[in-house]
Amino acid sequence: MVTPLRDRDEIDVAGLERLVEHMLAGGVSGLFPLGTTGEAPCLSYRLRYELVERVTKQVGGRVPVLVGITDTAVVESVRLARHAAQVGAQAVVLSTPYYHAVGQPELLEYLQRIIPELPLPVFLYNIPSMTKVHFSLETLSQMLDSPGVVGIKDSSGDMGYMHRVRALLEARPDWTLLVGPEELLAESVLLAGAHGGVSGGANVFPRLYVDLYEAAVRRDVERTNELHARVIRGASALYAVGQHGSAIIKGLKCSLALLGICDDFMAEPFRRFREPERERIRRHLDELGALA
């Protein structure tokens, strides 16, 4: 989920409510606030707590809510996990620590310490492009014995790694394997045995991603290829307007604003698109049939 904002430390409450209903109406199987697309590291702790409480309250158990708790401070991860449990979330999502890059032995020790302190089931989140550290296959194999871990989201973009993780999970068939990059959703489900995806584009087009996932599960290759092409077309249009890494989130937030769902205020240090970029996003949405 993106995090709808009105100002530096203020949630766009009405926009958040519309976004939650928009995604649920599109048939998503769960919501993941405070992830990368949600700009979590740029948000105050106060706002993170408020966001989690508002989302879980509005969802009301209709789908699971998985809360991102990754932080540079272990105590803050634990506190947020406890808050998530208190307000009704179903799981937490934990990446590798960032800023100070840890070695794999240090990462394993960290996981063995923190996971028993967390009151909810844990999804590991592999996103080395942001954290500088990945979950090695050896570390994951050690974590297979942890009853607190229920799955992994892989945002590495490395399909070879995805296949090797899937092979590891033969020893834990109860684990859930999710893919991050939406361009790999169809391939991951069809060929690597992934159980689903966490797709940023589903903020804007939830039904498209649900339909793609369901077609891949049915192994309807023709329909999967058709929907995959639409996902690639949308991603190529909306994520390429800006010139920097922030372009993906800016494109998503700008699209949601133009669709009347929520404000496109960005968490600092970033700024929303200016009018020339907004006009390009508007044209792309029109071409994609979203403004009809």
C-alpha atoms as a PDB file:
ATOM      1  CA  MET A   1       0.000   0.000   0.000  1.00  0.00           C
ATOM      2  CA  VAL A   2       1.040   3.567  -0.618  1.00  0.00           C
ATOM      3  CA  THR A   3       0.671   5.848   2.395  1.00  0.00           C
ATOM      4  CA  PRO A   4      -1.756   8.689   1.559  1.00  0.00           C
ATOM      5  CA  LEU A   5      -0.415  11.908   3.087  1.00  0.00           C
ATOM      6  CA  ARG A   6      -1.662  15.475   3.330  1.00  0.00           C
ATOM      7  CA  ASP A   7       1.478  16.941   4.851  1.00  0.00           C
ATOM      8  CA  ARG A   8       4.826  15.978   6.356  1.00  0.00           C
ATOM      9  CA  ASP A   9       3.307  14.164   9.333  1.00  0.00           C
ATOM     10  CA  GLU A  10      -0.400  13.999   8.489  1.00  0.00           C
ATOM     11  CA  ILE A  11      -2.320  11.112   6.949  1.00  0.00           C
ATOM     12  CA  ASP A  12      -4.836  11.861   4.223  1.00  0.00           C
ATOM     13  CA  VAL A  13      -7.531  10.075   6.213  1.00  0.00           C
ATOM     14  CA  ALA A  14     -10.324  10.272   3.646  1.00  0.00           C
ATOM     15  CA  GLY A  15      -7.882   9.237   0.931  1.00  0.00           C
ATOM     16  CA  LEU A  16      -6.670   6.301   2.998  1.00  0.00           C
ATOM     17  CA  GLU A  17     -10.237   5.130   3.501  1.00  0.00           C
ATOM     18  CA  ARG A  18     -10.945   5.377  -0.236  1.00  0.00           C
ATOM     19  CA  LEU A  19      -7.707   3.550  -1.064  1.00  0.00           C
ATOM     20  CA  VAL A  20      -8.476   0.656   1.283  1.00  0.00           C
ATOM     21  CA  GLU A  21     -11.963   0.233  -0.189  1.00  0.00           C
ATOM     22  CA  HIS A  22     -10.637   0.590  -3.748  1.00  0.00           C
ATOM     23  CA  MET A  23      -8.146  -2.226  -3.204  1.00  0.00           C
ATOM     24  CA  LEU A  24     -10.604  -4.478  -1.388  1.00  0.00           C
ATOM     25  CA  ALA A  25     -13.191  -3.932  -4.112  1.00  0.00           C
ATOM     26  CA  GLY A  26     -10.533  -5.075  -6.579  1.00  0.00           C
ATOM     27  CA  GLY A  27     -10.348  -8.428  -4.829  1.00  0.00           C
ATOM     28  CA  VAL A  28      -6.925  -8.310  -3.190  1.00  0.00           C
ATOM     29  CA  SER A  29      -6.166 -11.082  -0.712  1.00  0.00           C
ATOM     30  CA  GLY A  30      -4.462  -8.858   1.858  1.00  0.00           C
ATOM     31  CA  LEU A  31      -2.995  -5.426   2.547  1.00  0.00           C
ATOM     32  CA  PHE A  32       0.643  -4.587   3.326  1.00  0.00           C
ATOM     33  CA  PRO A  33       1.042  -1.122   4.875  1.00  0.00           C
ATOM     34  CA  LEU A  34       4.481   0.262   5.758  1.00  0.00           C
ATOM     35  CA  GLY A  35       6.438  -1.425   3.006  1.00  0.00           C
ATOM     36  CA  THR A  36       8.746   0.143   0.441  1.00  0.00           C
ATOM     37  CA  THR A  37       5.903   1.555  -1.649  1.00  0.00           C
ATOM     38  CA  GLY A  38       4.450   2.906   1.599  1.00  0.00           C
ATOM     39  CA  GLU A  39       7.610   5.012   2.172  1.00  0.00           C
ATOM     40  CA  ALA A  40       7.846   3.484   5.654  1.00  0.00           C
ATOM     41  CA  PRO A  41      11.410   4.529   6.575  1.00  0.00           C
ATOM     42  CA  CYS A  42      10.516   8.176   5.860  1.00  0.00           C
ATOM     43  CA  LEU A  43       7.510   8.257   8.212  1.00  0.00           C
ATOM     44  CA  SER A  44       7.488   9.222  11.879  1.00  0.00           C
ATOM     45  CA  TYR A  45       6.789   6.482  14.403  1.00  0.00           C
ATOM     46  CA  ARG A  46       3.655   8.335  15.481  1.00  0.00           C
ATOM     47  CA  LEU A  47       2.311   8.286  11.942  1.00  0.00           C
ATOM     48  CA  ARG A  48       3.202   4.619  11.441  1.00  0.00           C
ATOM     49  CA  TYR A  49       1.218   3.675  14.539  1.00  0.00           C
ATOM     50  CA  GLU A  50      -1.756   5.754  13.416  1.00  0.00           C
ATOM     51  CA  LEU A  51      -1.681   4.286   9.917  1.00  0.00           C
ATOM     52  CA  VAL A  52      -1.633   0.697  11.163  1.00  0.00           C
ATOM     53  CA  GLU A  53      -4.509   1.338  13.542  1.00  0.00           C
ATOM     54  CA  ARG A  54      -6.631   3.049  10.891  1.00  0.00           C
ATOM     55  CA  VAL A  55      -6.026   0.354   8.270  1.00  0.00           C
ATOM     56  CA  THR A  56      -6.724  -2.587  10.576  1.00  0.00           C
ATOM     57  CA  LYS A  57      -9.842  -0.938  11.982  1.00  0.00           C
ATOM     58  CA  GLN A  58     -11.261  -0.189   8.543  1.00  0.00           C
ATOM     59  CA  VAL A  59     -10.427  -3.605   7.106  1.00  0.00           C
ATOM     60  CA  GLY A  60     -12.165  -5.216  10.051  1.00  0.00           C
ATOM     61  CA  GLY A  61     -10.867  -8.690   9.332  1.00  0.00           C
ATOM     62  CA  ARG A  62     -12.074  -8.788   5.724  1.00  0.00           C
ATOM     63  CA  VAL A  63      -8.539  -9.662   4.594  1.00  0.00           C
ATOM     64  CA  PRO A  64      -5.257 -10.159   6.484  1.00  0.00           C
ATOM     65  CA  VAL A  65      -3.202  -7.048   7.217  1.00  0.00           C
ATOM     66  CA  LEU A  66       0.571  -7.560   7.127  1.00  0.00           C
ATOM     67  CA  VAL A  67       2.502  -4.703   8.740  1.00  0.00           C
ATOM     68  CA  GLY A  68       6.046  -3.730   7.816  1.00  0.00           C
ATOM     69  CA  ILE A  69       8.200  -3.376  10.941  1.00  0.00           C
ATOM     70  CA  THR A  70      11.722  -3.088   9.500  1.00  0.00           C
ATOM     71  CA  ASP A  71      13.790  -0.488  11.332  1.00  0.00           C
ATOM     72  CA  THR A  72      17.366   0.373  12.208  1.00  0.00           C
ATOM     73  CA  ALA A  73      16.429   0.061  15.891  1.00  0.00           C
ATOM     74  CA  VAL A  74      15.394  -3.394  17.080  1.00  0.00           C
ATOM     75  CA  VAL A  75      13.294  -1.976  19.915  1.00  0.00           C
ATOM     76  CA  GLU A  76      11.221   0.027  17.436  1.00  0.00           C
ATOM     77  CA  SER A  77      10.534  -3.049  15.320  1.00  0.00           C
ATOM     78  CA  VAL A  78       9.342  -4.917  18.404  1.00  0.00           C
ATOM     79  CA  ARG A  79       7.200  -2.014  19.611  1.00  0.00           C
ATOM     80  CA  LEU A  80       5.518  -1.620  16.237  1.00  0.00           C
ATOM     81  CA  ALA A  81       4.881  -5.370  16.045  1.00  0.00           C
ATOM     82  CA  ARG A  82       3.224  -5.280  19.457  1.00  0.00           C
ATOM     83  CA  HIS A  83       1.082  -2.328  18.392  1.00  0.00           C
ATOM     84  CA  ALA A  84       0.102  -4.165  15.206  1.00  0.00           C
ATOM     85  CA  ALA A  85      -0.990  -7.155  17.252  1.00  0.00           C
ATOM     86  CA  GLN A  86      -2.979  -4.998  19.653  1.00  0.00           C
ATOM     87  CA  VAL A  87      -4.981  -3.310  16.874  1.00  0.00           C
ATOM     88  CA  GLY A  88      -5.752  -6.514  14.989  1.00  0.00           C
ATOM     89  CA  ALA A  89      -3.117  -7.113  12.308  1.00  0.00           C
ATOM     90  CA  GLN A  90      -2.495 -10.717  11.287  1.00  0.00           C
ATOM     91  CA  ALA A  91       1.267 -10.722  10.559  1.00  0.00           C
ATOM     92  CA  VAL A  92       4.388  -8.578  10.392  1.00  0.00           C
ATOM     93  CA  VAL A  93       6.954  -8.214   7.624  1.00  0.00           C
ATOM     94  CA  LEU A  94      10.641  -7.972   8.510  1.00  0.00           C
ATOM     95  CA  SER A  95      13.535  -7.207   6.201  1.00  0.00           C
ATOM     96  CA  THR A  96      17.238  -7.341   6.938  1.00  0.00           C
ATOM     97  CA  PRO A  97      18.556  -4.442   9.045  1.00  0.00           C
ATOM     98  CA  TYR A  98      19.836  -1.561   6.938  1.00  0.00           C
ATOM     99  CA  TYR A  99      22.426   1.248   7.130  1.00  0.00           C
ATOM    100  CA  HIS A 100      25.038  -0.883   8.916  1.00  0.00           C
ATOM    101  CA  ALA A 101      25.413  -3.873   6.615  1.00  0.00           C
ATOM    102  CA  VAL A 102      25.366  -7.125   8.585  1.00  0.00           C
ATOM    103  CA  GLY A 103      27.076 -10.360   7.636  1.00  0.00           C
ATOM    104  CA  GLN A 104      25.028 -13.522   7.314  1.00  0.00           C
ATOM    105  CA  PRO A 105      26.133 -14.943  10.705  1.00  0.00           C
ATOM    106  CA  GLU A 106      25.124 -11.630  12.311  1.00  0.00           C
ATOM    107  CA  LEU A 107      21.824 -11.649  10.404  1.00  0.00           C
ATOM    108  CA  LEU A 108      21.031 -15.157  11.605  1.00  0.00           C
ATOM    109  CA  GLU A 109      21.761 -14.198  15.216  1.00  0.00           C
ATOM    110  CA  TYR A 110      19.579 -11.101  14.836  1.00  0.00           C
ATOM    111  CA  LEU A 111      16.662 -13.148  13.515  1.00  0.00           C
ATOM    112  CA  GLN A 112      17.038 -15.752  16.240  1.00  0.00           C
ATOM    113  CA  ARG A 113      16.869 -12.978  18.852  1.00  0.00           C
ATOM    114  CA  ILE A 114      14.078 -10.805  17.491  1.00  0.00           C
ATOM    115  CA  ILE A 115      11.577 -13.317  16.117  1.00  0.00           C
ATOM    116  CA  PRO A 116      10.721 -14.858  19.511  1.00  0.00           C
ATOM    117  CA  GLU A 117       9.905 -11.335  20.729  1.00  0.00           C
ATOM    118  CA  LEU A 118       7.384 -10.687  17.966  1.00  0.00           C
ATOM    119  CA  PRO A 119       3.747 -11.426  18.855  1.00  0.00           C
ATOM    120  CA  LEU A 120       2.604 -12.136  15.298  1.00  0.00           C
ATOM    121  CA  PRO A 121       3.642 -14.506  12.498  1.00  0.00           C
ATOM    122  CA  VAL A 122       6.577 -13.147  10.496  1.00  0.00           C
ATOM    123  CA  PHE A 123       7.141 -12.803   6.774  1.00  0.00           C
ATOM    124  CA  LEU A 124      10.786 -12.270   5.871  1.00  0.00           C
ATOM    125  CA  TYR A 125      11.288  -9.569   3.231  1.00  0.00           C
ATOM    126  CA  ASN A 126      14.233  -9.906   0.849  1.00  0.00           C
ATOM    127  CA  ILE A 127      14.961  -6.533  -0.774  1.00  0.00           C
ATOM    128  CA  PRO A 128      18.741  -6.126  -1.026  1.00  0.00           C
ATOM    129  CA  SER A 129      18.451  -3.113  -3.335  1.00  0.00           C
ATOM    130  CA  MET A 130      17.213  -1.132  -0.317  1.00  0.00           C
ATOM    131  CA  THR A 131      18.912  -2.843   2.626  1.00  0.00           C
ATOM    132  CA  LYS A 132      22.282  -3.839   1.058  1.00  0.00           C
ATOM    133  CA  VAL A 133      21.894  -7.304   2.608  1.00  0.00           C
ATOM    134  CA  HIS A 134      20.012 -10.338   1.314  1.00  0.00           C
ATOM    135  CA  PHE A 135      18.735 -13.464   3.009  1.00  0.00           C
ATOM    136  CA  SER A 136      21.203 -16.090   1.856  1.00  0.00           C
ATOM    137  CA  LEU A 137      19.893 -19.566   1.137  1.00  0.00           C
ATOM    138  CA  GLU A 138      21.935 -20.884   4.062  1.00  0.00           C
ATOM    139  CA  THR A 139      20.351 -18.329   6.418  1.00  0.00           C
ATOM    140  CA  LEU A 140      16.879 -19.202   5.141  1.00  0.00           C
ATOM    141  CA  SER A 141      17.554 -22.899   5.607  1.00  0.00           C
ATOM    142  CA  GLN A 142      18.442 -22.185   9.235  1.00  0.00           C
ATOM    143  CA  MET A 143      15.178 -20.248   9.667  1.00  0.00           C
ATOM    144  CA  LEU A 144      13.069 -23.168   8.437  1.00  0.00           C
ATOM    145  CA  ASP A 145      13.076 -24.445  12.007  1.00  0.00           C
ATOM    146  CA  SER A 146      11.605 -21.199  13.352  1.00  0.00           C
ATOM    147  CA  PRO A 147       7.887 -21.615  14.129  1.00  0.00           C
ATOM    148  CA  GLY A 148       7.445 -17.840  14.104  1.00  0.00           C
ATOM    149  CA  VAL A 149       8.255 -17.468  10.400  1.00  0.00           C
ATOM    150  CA  VAL A 150       5.470 -18.239   7.932  1.00  0.00           C
ATOM    151  CA  GLY A 151       6.864 -17.058   4.613  1.00  0.00           C
ATOM    152  CA  ILE A 152       9.079 -14.808   2.547  1.00  0.00           C
ATOM    153  CA  LYS A 153       8.547 -11.972   0.120  1.00  0.00           C
ATOM    154  CA  ASP A 154      11.332 -11.813  -2.455  1.00  0.00           C
ATOM    155  CA  SER A 155      11.898  -8.455  -4.130  1.00  0.00           C
ATOM    156  CA  SER A 156      15.393  -9.229  -5.397  1.00  0.00           C
ATOM    157  CA  GLY A 157      14.233  -9.649  -8.997  1.00  0.00           C
ATOM    158  CA  ASP A 158      16.501 -12.701  -9.242  1.00  0.00           C
ATOM    159  CA  MET A 159      14.461 -15.579 -10.651  1.00  0.00           C
ATOM    160  CA  GLY A 160      17.278 -18.027 -10.016  1.00  0.00           C
ATOM    161  CA  TYR A 161      17.106 -17.141  -6.327  1.00  0.00           C
ATOM    162  CA  MET A 162      13.311 -17.478  -6.392  1.00  0.00           C
ATOM    163  CA  HIS A 163      13.558 -21.019  -7.784  1.00  0.00           C
ATOM    164  CA  ARG A 164      16.138 -22.007  -5.181  1.00  0.00           C
ATOM    165  CA  VAL A 165      13.998 -20.608  -2.365  1.00  0.00           C
ATOM    166  CA  ARG A 166      11.027 -22.584  -3.670  1.00  0.00           C
ATOM    167  CA  ALA A 167      13.148 -25.745  -3.553  1.00  0.00           C
ATOM    168  CA  LEU A 168      14.117 -24.962   0.050  1.00  0.00           C
ATOM    169  CA  LEU A 169      10.458 -24.635   1.001  1.00  0.00           C
ATOM    170  CA  GLU A 170       9.786 -28.247   0.152  1.00  0.00           C
ATOM    171  CA  ALA A 171      10.866 -28.785   3.757  1.00  0.00           C
ATOM    172  CA  ARG A 172       8.278 -26.216   4.927  1.00  0.00           C
ATOM    173  CA  PRO A 173       5.237 -26.496   2.650  1.00  0.00           C
ATOM    174  CA  ASP A 174       3.312 -24.305   5.100  1.00  0.00           C
ATOM    175  CA  TRP A 175       5.496 -21.287   4.235  1.00  0.00           C
ATOM    176  CA  THR A 176       4.136 -18.752   1.759  1.00  0.00           C
ATOM    177  CA  LEU A 177       6.372 -17.507  -1.061  1.00  0.00           C
ATOM    178  CA  LEU A 178       5.495 -14.082  -2.477  1.00  0.00           C
ATOM    179  CA  VAL A 179       7.172 -12.105  -5.252  1.00  0.00           C
ATOM    180  CA  GLY A 180       7.717  -8.343  -5.130  1.00  0.00           C
ATOM    181  CA  PRO A 181       8.441  -7.076  -8.686  1.00  0.00           C
ATOM    182  CA  GLU A 182       5.095  -7.126 -10.460  1.00  0.00           C
ATOM    183  CA  GLU A 183       6.748  -7.689 -13.812  1.00  0.00           C
ATOM    184  CA  LEU A 184       7.705 -11.143 -12.461  1.00  0.00           C
ATOM    185  CA  LEU A 185       4.339 -12.076 -10.956  1.00  0.00           C
ATOM    186  CA  ALA A 186       3.146 -14.275 -13.830  1.00  0.00           C
ATOM    187  CA  GLU A 187       6.499 -16.014 -14.239  1.00  0.00           C
ATOM    188  CA  SER A 188       6.909 -16.548 -10.494  1.00  0.00           C
ATOM    189  CA  VAL A 189       3.496 -18.188 -10.076  1.00  0.00           C
ATOM    190  CA  LEU A 190       3.598 -20.220 -13.281  1.00  0.00           C
ATOM    191  CA  LEU A 191       7.201 -21.402 -13.230  1.00  0.00           C
ATOM    192  CA  ALA A 192       8.601 -20.932  -9.723  1.00  0.00           C
ATOM    193  CA  GLY A 193       5.588 -22.021  -7.696  1.00  0.00           C
ATOM    194  CA  ALA A 194       5.139 -18.701  -5.901  1.00  0.00           C
ATOM    195  CA  HIS A 195       1.887 -18.335  -3.978  1.00  0.00           C
ATOM    196  CA  GLY A 196       1.229 -14.726  -4.950  1.00  0.00           C
ATOM    197  CA  GLY A 197       2.653 -11.258  -5.262  1.00  0.00           C
ATOM    198  CA  VAL A 198       2.882  -7.958  -3.428  1.00  0.00           C
ATOM    199  CA  SER A 199       2.422  -5.575  -6.351  1.00  0.00           C
ATOM    200  CA  GLY A 200       2.633  -1.797  -6.044  1.00  0.00           C
ATOM    201  CA  GLY A 201       0.542  -1.377  -9.163  1.00  0.00           C
ATOM    202  CA  ALA A 202      -2.375  -3.026  -7.351  1.00  0.00           C
ATOM    203  CA  ASN A 203      -2.876   0.273  -5.543  1.00  0.00           C
ATOM    204  CA  VAL A 204      -4.110   1.658  -8.859  1.00  0.00           C
ATOM    205  CA  PHE A 205      -5.333  -1.428 -10.748  1.00  0.00           C
ATOM    206  CA  PRO A 206      -6.131  -4.075  -8.101  1.00  0.00           C
ATOM    207  CA  ARG A 207      -8.468  -6.112 -10.285  1.00  0.00           C
ATOM    208  CA  LEU A 208      -5.851  -6.426 -13.036  1.00  0.00           C
ATOM    209  CA  TYR A 209      -3.328  -7.998 -10.669  1.00  0.00           C
ATOM    210  CA  VAL A 210      -5.901 -10.272  -9.051  1.00  0.00           C
ATOM    211  CA  ASP A 211      -7.035 -11.467 -12.481  1.00  0.00           C
ATOM    212  CA  LEU A 212      -3.422 -12.074 -13.533  1.00  0.00           C
ATOM    213  CA  TYR A 213      -2.688 -14.071 -10.382  1.00  0.00           C
ATOM    214  CA  GLU A 214      -5.851 -16.160 -10.764  1.00  0.00           C
ATOM    215  CA  ALA A 215      -5.131 -16.882 -14.432  1.00  0.00           C
ATOM    216  CA  ALA A 216      -1.601 -17.992 -13.531  1.00  0.00           C
ATOM    217  CA  VAL A 217      -2.912 -20.271 -10.760  1.00  0.00           C
ATOM    218  CA  ARG A 218      -5.329 -21.836 -13.270  1.00  0.00           C
ATOM    219  CA  ARG A 219      -2.390 -22.218 -15.656  1.00  0.00           C
ATOM    220  CA  ASP A 220      -4.398 -20.435 -18.324  1.00  0.00           C
ATOM    221  CA  VAL A 221      -1.323 -19.424 -20.292  1.00  0.00           C
ATOM    222  CA  GLU A 222      -3.126 -17.441 -22.976  1.00  0.00           C
ATOM    223  CA  ARG A 223      -5.032 -15.326 -20.445  1.00  0.00           C
ATOM    224  CA  THR A 224      -1.931 -14.979 -18.275  1.00  0.00           C
ATOM    225  CA  ASN A 225       0.091 -13.680 -21.218  1.00  0.00           C
ATOM    226  CA  GLU A 226      -2.645 -11.203 -22.093  1.00  0.00           C
ATOM    227  CA  LEU A 227      -2.877  -9.814 -18.561  1.00  0.00           C
ATOM    228  CA  HIS A 228       0.896  -9.850 -18.085  1.00  0.00           C
ATOM    229  CA  ALA A 229       1.217  -7.666 -21.175  1.00  0.00           C
ATOM    230  CA  ARG A 230      -1.221  -5.186 -19.631  1.00  0.00           C
ATOM    231  CA  VAL A 231       0.794  -5.116 -16.398  1.00  0.00           C
ATOM    232  CA  ILE A 232       4.002  -4.450 -18.329  1.00  0.00           C
ATOM    233  CA  ARG A 233       2.292  -1.739 -20.376  1.00  0.00           C
ATOM    234  CA  GLY A 234       1.042  -0.015 -17.235  1.00  0.00           C
ATOM    235  CA  ALA A 235       4.354  -0.270 -15.415  1.00  0.00           C
ATOM    236  CA  SER A 236       6.275   0.984 -18.442  1.00  0.00           C
ATOM    237  CA  ALA A 237       3.969   3.994 -18.695  1.00  0.00           C
ATOM    238  CA  LEU A 238       3.467   5.043 -15.070  1.00  0.00           C
ATOM    239  CA  TYR A 239       6.875   4.215 -13.602  1.00  0.00           C
ATOM    240  CA  ALA A 240       9.030   5.810 -16.300  1.00  0.00           C
ATOM    241  CA  VAL A 241       7.837   9.407 -16.078  1.00  0.00           C
ATOM    242  CA  GLY A 242      10.409  10.452 -13.484  1.00  0.00           C
ATOM    243  CA  GLN A 243      14.145  10.178 -13.906  1.00  0.00           C
ATOM    244  CA  HIS A 244      15.117   8.689 -10.542  1.00  0.00           C
ATOM    245  CA  GLY A 245      14.338   5.746  -8.287  1.00  0.00           C
ATOM    246  CA  SER A 246      11.482   7.632  -6.660  1.00  0.00           C
ATOM    247  CA  ALA A 247       9.604   7.642  -9.980  1.00  0.00           C
ATOM    248  CA  ILE A 248       7.692   4.450  -9.155  1.00  0.00           C
ATOM    249  CA  ILE A 249       6.112   5.778  -5.966  1.00  0.00           C
ATOM    250  CA  LYS A 250       5.574   9.211  -7.513  1.00  0.00           C
ATOM    251  CA  GLY A 251       3.859   7.584 -10.483  1.00  0.00           C
ATOM    252  CA  LEU A 252       1.589   5.520  -8.238  1.00  0.00           C
ATOM    253  CA  LYS A 253       0.652   8.436  -5.989  1.00  0.00           C
ATOM    254  CA  CYS A 254       0.095  10.783  -8.911  1.00  0.00           C
ATOM    255  CA  SER A 255      -2.132   8.189 -10.600  1.00  0.00           C
ATOM    256  CA  LEU A 256      -4.194   7.752  -7.428  1.00  0.00           C
ATOM    257  CA  ALA A 257      -4.574  11.519  -7.099  1.00  0.00           C
ATOM    258  CA  LEU A 258      -5.723  11.879 -10.710  1.00  0.00           C
ATOM    259  CA  LEU A 259      -8.233   9.079 -10.127  1.00  0.00           C
ATOM    260  CA  GLY A 260      -9.608  10.986  -7.136  1.00  0.00           C
ATOM    261  CA  ILE A 261      -8.595   8.348  -4.601  1.00  0.00           C
ATOM    262  CA  CYS A 262      -6.011  10.105  -2.419  1.00  0.00           C
ATOM    263  CA  ASP A 263      -3.559  12.991  -2.218  1.00  0.00           C
ATOM    264  CA  ASP A 264      -0.163  12.566  -3.869  1.00  0.00           C
ATOM    265  CA  PHE A 265       1.905  14.287  -1.179  1.00  0.00           C
ATOM    266  CA  MET A 266       5.226  12.464  -0.880  1.00  0.00           C
ATOM    267  CA  ALA A 267       7.091  11.663   2.307  1.00  0.00           C
ATOM    268  CA  GLU A 268      10.197  13.810   2.484  1.00  0.00           C
ATOM    269  CA  PRO A 269      12.840  14.066   1.131  1.00  0.00           C
ATOM    270  CA  PHE A 270      10.780  13.592  -2.053  1.00  0.00           C
ATOM    271  CA  ARG A 271       8.265  15.896  -3.718  1.00  0.00           C
ATOM    272  CA  ARG A 272       5.221  15.080  -5.803  1.00  0.00           C
ATOM    273  CA  PHE A 273       5.317  15.397  -9.582  1.00  0.00           C
ATOM    274  CA  ARG A 274       4.971  18.890 -10.996  1.00  0.00           C
ATOM    275  CA  GLU A 275       2.455  19.752 -13.690  1.00  0.00           C
ATOM    276  CA  PRO A 276       4.418  18.572 -16.765  1.00  0.00           C
ATOM    277  CA  GLU A 277       4.894  15.126 -15.200  1.00  0.00           C
ATOM    278  CA  ARG A 278       1.306  15.044 -13.948  1.00  0.00           C
ATOM    279  CA  GLU A 279       0.082  15.718 -17.461  1.00  0.00           C
ATOM    280  CA  ARG A 280       2.151  12.809 -18.780  1.00  0.00           C
ATOM    281  CA  ILE A 281       0.679  10.510 -16.114  1.00  0.00           C
ATOM    282  CA  ARG A 282      -2.800  11.772 -17.018  1.00  0.00           C
ATOM    283  CA  ARG A 283      -2.212  10.914 -20.685  1.00  0.00           C
ATOM    284  CA  HIS A 284      -0.927   7.466 -19.779  1.00  0.00           C
ATOM    285  CA  LEU A 285      -3.940   6.742 -17.563  1.00  0.00           C
ATOM    286  CA  ASP A 286      -6.228   7.831 -20.388  1.00  0.00           C
ATOM    287  CA  GLU A 287      -4.401   5.549 -22.820  1.00  0.00           C
ATOM    288  CA  LEU A 288      -4.724   2.689 -20.316  1.00  0.00           C
ATOM    289  CA  GLY A 289      -8.461   3.300 -20.065  1.00  0.00           C
ATOM    290  CA  ALA A 290      -8.352   4.257 -16.396  1.00  0.00           C
ATOM    291  CA  LEU A 291      -9.958   7.657 -16.853  1.00  0.00           C
ATOM    292  CA  ALA A 292     -12.867   6.435 -18.953  1.00  0.00           C
END
